[in-house]
């Protein structure tokens, strides 16, 4: 019985010590308004310093609220933050974001966004930061036409492509991982 009690006490102490260990705080060194990244000590797989990360973010969802980021922008920014925290050269990130569907509204310039939603467009600074970090940004020309959005009213950081699906196919054929948000 004493052995059982001793083992139980050891397990309880180990659990309480593990629970008391502080969690690393998320950091956002590259895109400050995107979700941060917390380095996990002893993680089985962490970003490699020589790996080239190719991803195409399929942006179709609008932000939950007009004063929040489009989910795909947040995720692309979050992954750049992950690489930044892990000290991976950002030149190893080959990211593309293609916008269509409900996500297009987040590309409007500030004046048109304010008219439509009544608040400042929080996506504009992130679009600029992503572009400055080498991320390619495309809006679907077909979706812009269907939604009757004048291309002159969207962020100058975004290029208009003929069709989002063509962009998705081209980059996936080049080995880019598909991330849909």
Protein backbone atom coordinates (compact mmCIF):
# COMPACT_ATOMS: atom_id res chain seq x y z
CA UNK A 1 0.00 0.00 0.00
CA UNK A 2 2.89 2.39 0.80
CA UNK A 3 4.35 1.84 -2.67
CA UNK A 4 1.01 2.68 -4.29
CA UNK A 5 0.73 5.90 -2.24
CA UNK A 6 4.33 6.86 -3.07
CA UNK A 7 3.74 6.31 -6.79
CA UNK A 8 0.50 8.27 -6.64
CA UNK A 9 2.22 11.18 -4.87
CA UNK A 10 5.01 11.21 -7.47
CA UNK A 11 2.46 11.32 -10.30
CA UNK A 12 0.52 14.11 -8.64
CA UNK A 13 3.70 16.14 -8.12
CA UNK A 14 4.71 15.64 -11.75
CA UNK A 15 1.26 16.74 -12.98
CA UNK A 16 1.28 19.81 -10.74
CA UNK A 17 4.80 20.75 -11.84
CA UNK A 18 3.85 20.34 -15.50
CA UNK A 19 0.70 22.38 -15.03
CA UNK A 20 2.67 25.10 -13.28
CA UNK A 21 5.17 25.48 -16.14
CA UNK A 22 4.53 28.80 -17.86
CA UNK A 23 3.30 28.66 -21.45
CA UNK A 24 5.37 30.58 -23.96
CA UNK A 25 3.73 33.85 -24.98
CA UNK A 26 2.72 34.18 -28.65
CA UNK A 27 4.79 36.70 -30.60
CA UNK A 28 4.00 38.57 -33.81
CA UNK A 29 7.31 40.02 -35.05
CA UNK A 30 6.46 40.21 -38.76
CA UNK A 31 2.73 41.02 -39.01
CA UNK A 32 1.82 42.53 -35.62
CA UNK A 33 -1.97 42.53 -36.14
CA UNK A 34 -2.08 38.86 -37.18
CA UNK A 35 -2.16 36.01 -34.69
CA UNK A 36 1.09 35.44 -32.87
CA UNK A 37 3.14 32.27 -32.66
CA UNK A 38 4.49 30.60 -29.54
CA UNK A 39 7.57 28.42 -29.94
CA UNK A 40 6.84 25.05 -28.32
CA UNK A 41 9.90 23.65 -26.52
CA UNK A 42 10.52 20.05 -27.50
CA UNK A 43 7.96 20.08 -30.32
CA UNK A 44 8.26 17.05 -32.60
CA UNK A 45 8.29 19.20 -35.75
CA UNK A 46 9.35 22.81 -35.93
CA UNK A 47 10.05 25.07 -38.90
CA UNK A 48 13.36 24.25 -40.56
CA UNK A 49 15.80 26.99 -41.42
CA UNK A 50 16.61 25.67 -44.90
CA UNK A 51 13.12 24.55 -45.95
CA UNK A 52 11.27 26.64 -48.54
CA UNK A 53 7.62 27.08 -47.56
CA UNK A 54 5.30 27.33 -50.58
CA UNK A 55 1.65 27.99 -49.80
CA UNK A 56 -1.31 29.46 -51.62
CA UNK A 57 -4.01 30.83 -49.37
CA UNK A 58 -7.47 30.55 -50.92
CA UNK A 59 -9.28 33.53 -49.42
CA UNK A 60 -13.05 33.15 -49.74
CA UNK A 61 -14.33 34.06 -46.27
CA UNK A 62 -15.14 37.55 -45.03
CA UNK A 63 -14.00 38.65 -41.60
CA UNK A 64 -16.42 37.73 -38.79
CA UNK A 65 -16.78 41.46 -38.03
CA UNK A 66 -15.91 44.44 -40.27
CA UNK A 67 -13.19 45.61 -37.85
CA UNK A 68 -11.40 42.22 -38.00
CA UNK A 69 -9.01 40.69 -40.53
CA UNK A 70 -10.03 38.43 -43.38
CA UNK A 71 -9.23 34.92 -42.07
CA UNK A 72 -6.79 34.13 -44.90
CA UNK A 73 -4.83 37.34 -44.23
CA UNK A 74 -4.65 36.51 -40.55
CA UNK A 75 -3.40 33.00 -41.30
CA UNK A 76 -0.80 34.10 -43.86
CA UNK A 77 0.42 36.72 -41.37
CA UNK A 78 0.41 34.19 -38.56
CA UNK A 79 2.61 31.82 -40.56
CA UNK A 80 5.06 34.62 -41.34
CA UNK A 81 5.09 35.32 -37.59
CA UNK A 82 5.85 31.62 -36.98
CA UNK A 83 8.82 31.76 -39.32
CA UNK A 84 9.97 35.03 -37.77
CA UNK A 85 9.82 33.67 -34.21
CA UNK A 86 11.71 30.54 -35.30
CA UNK A 87 14.31 32.75 -37.01
CA UNK A 88 13.67 31.29 -40.46
CA UNK A 89 14.62 33.69 -43.25
CA UNK A 90 11.44 35.21 -44.65
CA UNK A 91 12.86 34.70 -48.13
CA UNK A 92 12.10 31.01 -47.48
CA UNK A 93 8.38 31.87 -47.42
CA UNK A 94 6.82 31.77 -50.87
CA UNK A 95 3.25 32.74 -50.08
CA UNK A 96 0.41 33.69 -52.42
CA UNK A 97 -3.08 34.83 -51.44
CA UNK A 98 -5.94 34.79 -53.94
CA UNK A 99 -9.18 36.55 -52.99
CA UNK A 100 -12.65 35.78 -54.29
CA UNK A 101 -16.17 35.44 -52.95
CA UNK A 102 -16.94 37.22 -49.67
CA UNK A 103 -13.26 38.00 -49.01
CA UNK A 104 -13.24 40.61 -51.80
CA UNK A 105 -14.94 43.21 -49.60
CA UNK A 106 -11.84 43.26 -47.37
CA UNK A 107 -9.78 44.57 -50.30
CA UNK A 108 -11.73 47.80 -50.70
CA UNK A 109 -9.84 51.04 -50.22
CA UNK A 110 -10.58 52.78 -46.96
CA UNK A 111 -13.14 55.24 -48.36
CA UNK A 112 -15.24 52.53 -50.01
CA UNK A 113 -14.88 50.20 -47.02
CA UNK A 114 -16.05 52.95 -44.63
CA UNK A 115 -19.04 53.67 -46.88
CA UNK A 116 -19.99 50.01 -46.92
CA UNK A 117 -19.15 48.98 -43.32
CA UNK A 118 -18.88 52.24 -41.34
CA UNK A 119 -15.35 51.46 -40.02
CA UNK A 120 -11.74 51.73 -41.14
CA UNK A 121 -10.53 48.79 -43.26
CA UNK A 122 -8.19 46.80 -40.95
CA UNK A 123 -6.96 44.66 -43.85
CA UNK A 124 -5.14 47.43 -45.71
CA UNK A 125 -2.09 47.65 -43.46
CA UNK A 126 -1.76 43.86 -43.41
CA UNK A 127 -1.98 43.70 -47.20
CA UNK A 128 0.84 46.23 -47.40
CA UNK A 129 2.94 44.36 -44.81
CA UNK A 130 2.42 41.05 -46.59
CA UNK A 131 3.38 42.54 -49.95
CA UNK A 132 6.49 44.12 -48.40
CA UNK A 133 7.44 40.65 -47.12
CA UNK A 134 7.21 39.12 -50.60
CA UNK A 135 3.67 37.72 -50.49
CA UNK A 136 1.90 37.83 -53.86
CA UNK A 137 -1.69 39.07 -53.63
CA UNK A 138 -4.33 38.49 -56.31
CA UNK A 139 -8.02 39.34 -56.63
CA UNK A 140 -10.23 37.28 -58.92
CA UNK A 141 -11.25 39.42 -61.89
CA UNK A 142 -14.30 37.22 -62.55
CA UNK A 143 -15.50 37.68 -58.97
CA UNK A 144 -14.89 41.42 -59.08
CA UNK A 145 -17.04 41.67 -62.20
CA UNK A 146 -19.78 39.44 -60.78
CA UNK A 147 -19.89 41.51 -57.57
CA UNK A 148 -19.75 44.76 -59.55
CA UNK A 149 -16.64 45.92 -57.69
CA UNK A 150 -14.54 48.41 -59.64
CA UNK A 151 -10.91 47.25 -59.56
CA UNK A 152 -9.92 50.90 -59.03
CA UNK A 153 -11.55 50.76 -55.57
CA UNK A 154 -9.38 47.94 -54.17
CA UNK A 155 -5.99 48.13 -52.49
CA UNK A 156 -3.13 48.91 -54.87
CA UNK A 157 -1.17 46.14 -53.13
CA UNK A 158 -3.40 43.56 -54.82
CA UNK A 159 -3.13 42.57 -58.49
CA UNK A 160 -6.23 41.62 -60.46
CA UNK A 161 -5.93 38.14 -61.99
CA UNK A 162 -8.24 36.83 -64.69
CA UNK A 163 -9.68 34.07 -62.48
CA UNK A 164 -9.02 32.78 -58.94
CA UNK A 165 -9.26 29.16 -60.01
CA UNK A 166 -6.57 29.66 -62.64
CA UNK A 167 -4.31 31.19 -59.98
CA UNK A 168 -5.00 28.26 -57.66
CA UNK A 169 -4.23 25.69 -60.36
CA UNK A 170 -1.04 27.41 -61.52
CA UNK A 171 0.44 27.64 -58.03
CA UNK A 172 -0.66 24.16 -56.97
CA UNK A 173 0.95 22.80 -60.15
CA UNK A 174 4.14 24.57 -59.01
CA UNK A 175 4.07 22.66 -55.71
CA UNK A 176 2.35 25.21 -53.47
CA UNK A 177 0.30 23.76 -50.59
CA UNK A 178 -3.36 24.80 -50.62
CA UNK A 179 -4.61 26.60 -47.51
CA UNK A 180 -8.31 27.48 -47.62
CA UNK A 181 -9.90 30.12 -45.43
